Amino acid sequence: MKDKPKKLCKLMKKDIEKEEFQEYIKLIKDATHVCKKCGRASNNEKGLCSPKKIQ
């Protein structure tokens, strides 16, 4: 069974460890959504806890 990807918001609540840094980069590159709760941006709405599409 494949691990569920971590939400960007959760990754940022703790120190980003070296093994999670590449996952973080993949989530933020060419962002298309922003989180309405914390303001972080991601290229995948599933990477945010409260996503809103950037227009």
N, C-alpha and C. Protein backbone atom coordinates (compact mmCIF):
# COMPACT_ATOMS: atom_id res chain seq x y z
N MET A 1 0.84 -1.19 0.00
CA MET A 1 0.00 0.00 0.00
C MET A 1 0.88 1.25 0.00
N LYS A 2 0.57 2.19 -0.88
CA LYS A 2 1.36 3.42 -1.00
C LYS A 2 0.95 4.41 0.08
N ASP A 3 1.97 5.11 0.65
CA ASP A 3 1.70 6.13 1.67
C ASP A 3 0.96 7.30 1.06
N LYS A 4 0.02 7.85 1.81
CA LYS A 4 -0.72 9.03 1.39
C LYS A 4 0.20 10.25 1.48
N PRO A 5 0.24 11.10 0.43
CA PRO A 5 1.12 12.28 0.48
C PRO A 5 0.72 13.20 1.63
N LYS A 6 1.71 13.83 2.25
CA LYS A 6 1.44 14.74 3.35
C LYS A 6 0.97 16.08 2.82
N LYS A 7 0.09 16.72 3.54
CA LYS A 7 -0.38 18.06 3.19
C LYS A 7 0.75 19.04 3.40
N LEU A 8 0.83 20.02 2.54
CA LEU A 8 1.87 21.05 2.64
C LEU A 8 1.79 21.74 4.00
N CYS A 9 0.59 22.02 4.45
CA CYS A 9 0.41 22.71 5.73
C CYS A 9 1.03 21.89 6.86
N LYS A 10 0.84 20.56 6.82
CA LYS A 10 1.39 19.70 7.86
C LYS A 10 2.91 19.64 7.75
N LEU A 11 3.44 19.60 6.55
CA LEU A 11 4.89 19.58 6.38
C LEU A 11 5.51 20.83 7.00
N MET A 12 4.83 21.96 6.88
CA MET A 12 5.38 23.22 7.37
C MET A 12 5.22 23.39 8.88
N LYS A 13 4.34 22.63 9.52
CA LYS A 13 4.14 22.75 10.96
C LYS A 13 5.32 22.21 11.73
N LYS A 14 6.11 21.35 11.11
CA LYS A 14 7.32 20.85 11.75
C LYS A 14 8.49 21.19 10.84
N ASP A 15 9.68 21.02 11.33
CA ASP A 15 10.85 21.28 10.49
C ASP A 15 10.83 20.31 9.32
N ILE A 16 11.09 20.83 8.13
CA ILE A 16 11.14 19.97 6.95
C ILE A 16 12.45 19.20 7.00
N GLU A 17 12.32 17.89 7.08
CA GLU A 17 13.51 17.05 7.12
C GLU A 17 14.05 16.89 5.71
N LYS A 18 15.29 16.52 5.60
CA LYS A 18 15.93 16.40 4.29
C LYS A 18 15.16 15.49 3.36
N GLU A 19 14.63 14.38 3.85
CA GLU A 19 13.91 13.45 2.98
C GLU A 19 12.56 14.01 2.54
N GLU A 20 12.03 14.99 3.23
CA GLU A 20 10.75 15.59 2.86
C GLU A 20 10.93 16.84 2.00
N PHE A 21 12.14 17.35 1.88
CA PHE A 21 12.37 18.59 1.15
C PHE A 21 12.00 18.46 -0.32
N GLN A 22 12.34 17.36 -0.96
CA GLN A 22 12.00 17.18 -2.37
C GLN A 22 10.49 17.08 -2.56
N GLU A 23 9.79 16.45 -1.61
CA GLU A 23 8.32 16.40 -1.66
C GLU A 23 7.74 17.81 -1.56
N TYR A 24 8.32 18.63 -0.69
CA TYR A 24 7.90 20.02 -0.53
C TYR A 24 8.08 20.80 -1.84
N ILE A 25 9.24 20.65 -2.47
CA ILE A 25 9.52 21.34 -3.74
C ILE A 25 8.49 20.95 -4.81
N LYS A 26 8.16 19.67 -4.88
CA LYS A 26 7.18 19.19 -5.87
C LYS A 26 5.81 19.83 -5.63
N LEU A 27 5.45 20.05 -4.38
CA LEU A 27 4.15 20.63 -4.05
C LEU A 27 4.04 22.12 -4.39
N ILE A 28 5.14 22.85 -4.27
CA ILE A 28 5.05 24.30 -4.46
C ILE A 28 5.40 24.78 -5.86
N LYS A 29 6.07 23.95 -6.64
CA LYS A 29 6.49 24.36 -7.98
C LYS A 29 5.27 24.64 -8.86
N ASP A 30 5.24 25.79 -9.52
CA ASP A 30 4.15 26.19 -10.41
C ASP A 30 2.79 26.12 -9.70
N ALA A 31 2.68 26.77 -8.56
CA ALA A 31 1.48 26.73 -7.73
C ALA A 31 0.22 27.16 -8.49
N THR A 32 -0.87 26.43 -8.27
CA THR A 32 -2.16 26.73 -8.88
C THR A 32 -3.25 26.96 -7.84
N HIS A 33 -2.95 26.64 -6.57
CA HIS A 33 -3.92 26.78 -5.48
C HIS A 33 -3.24 27.42 -4.27
N VAL A 34 -4.04 28.09 -3.45
CA VAL A 34 -3.56 28.69 -2.21
C VAL A 34 -4.45 28.20 -1.07
N CYS A 35 -3.87 28.03 0.11
CA CYS A 35 -4.64 27.59 1.27
C CYS A 35 -5.31 28.79 1.93
N LYS A 36 -6.63 28.71 2.13
CA LYS A 36 -7.38 29.81 2.75
C LYS A 36 -7.07 29.93 4.24
N LYS A 37 -6.52 28.88 4.86
CA LYS A 37 -6.21 28.91 6.29
C LYS A 37 -4.85 29.51 6.58
N CYS A 38 -3.83 29.08 5.84
CA CYS A 38 -2.46 29.48 6.20
C CYS A 38 -1.76 30.28 5.11
N GLY A 39 -2.33 30.36 3.90
CA GLY A 39 -1.74 31.16 2.84
C GLY A 39 -0.66 30.47 2.03
N ARG A 40 -0.37 29.21 2.31
CA ARG A 40 0.64 28.50 1.53
C ARG A 40 0.08 28.16 0.15
N ALA A 41 0.97 28.03 -0.83
CA ALA A 41 0.56 27.75 -2.21
C ALA A 41 1.06 26.39 -2.65
N SER A 42 0.31 25.75 -3.56
CA SER A 42 0.65 24.42 -4.05
C SER A 42 0.16 24.24 -5.47
N ASN A 43 0.74 23.29 -6.19
CA ASN A 43 0.29 22.97 -7.54
C ASN A 43 -0.76 21.87 -7.53
N ASN A 44 -1.18 21.45 -6.35
CA ASN A 44 -2.16 20.37 -6.21
C ASN A 44 -3.06 20.71 -5.03
N GLU A 45 -4.35 20.83 -5.28
CA GLU A 45 -5.26 21.20 -4.19
C GLU A 45 -5.26 20.18 -3.07
N LYS A 46 -4.91 18.94 -3.37
CA LYS A 46 -4.86 17.90 -2.33
C LYS A 46 -3.68 18.10 -1.39
N GLY A 47 -2.76 18.99 -1.77
CA GLY A 47 -1.61 19.28 -0.92
C GLY A 47 -1.90 20.34 0.13
N LEU A 48 -3.12 20.90 0.13
CA LEU A 48 -3.48 21.97 1.06
C LEU A 48 -4.69 21.55 1.89
N CYS A 49 -4.82 22.12 3.09
CA CYS A 49 -5.94 21.74 3.95
C CYS A 49 -7.23 22.49 3.60
N SER A 50 -7.11 23.69 3.04
CA SER A 50 -8.29 24.49 2.66
C SER A 50 -8.01 25.21 1.34
N PRO A 51 -7.97 24.45 0.22
CA PRO A 51 -7.51 25.02 -1.05
C PRO A 51 -8.51 25.95 -1.75
N LYS A 52 -7.95 26.93 -2.45
CA LYS A 52 -8.73 27.83 -3.32
C LYS A 52 -7.91 28.01 -4.58
N LYS A 53 -8.52 27.83 -5.76
CA LYS A 53 -7.82 27.93 -7.03
C LYS A 53 -7.37 29.36 -7.27
N ILE A 54 -6.12 29.52 -7.70
CA ILE A 54 -5.58 30.83 -8.07
C ILE A 54 -6.03 31.09 -9.51
N GLN A 55 -6.61 32.25 -9.73
CA GLN A 55 -7.12 32.55 -11.07
C GLN A 55 -6.20 33.36 -11.88
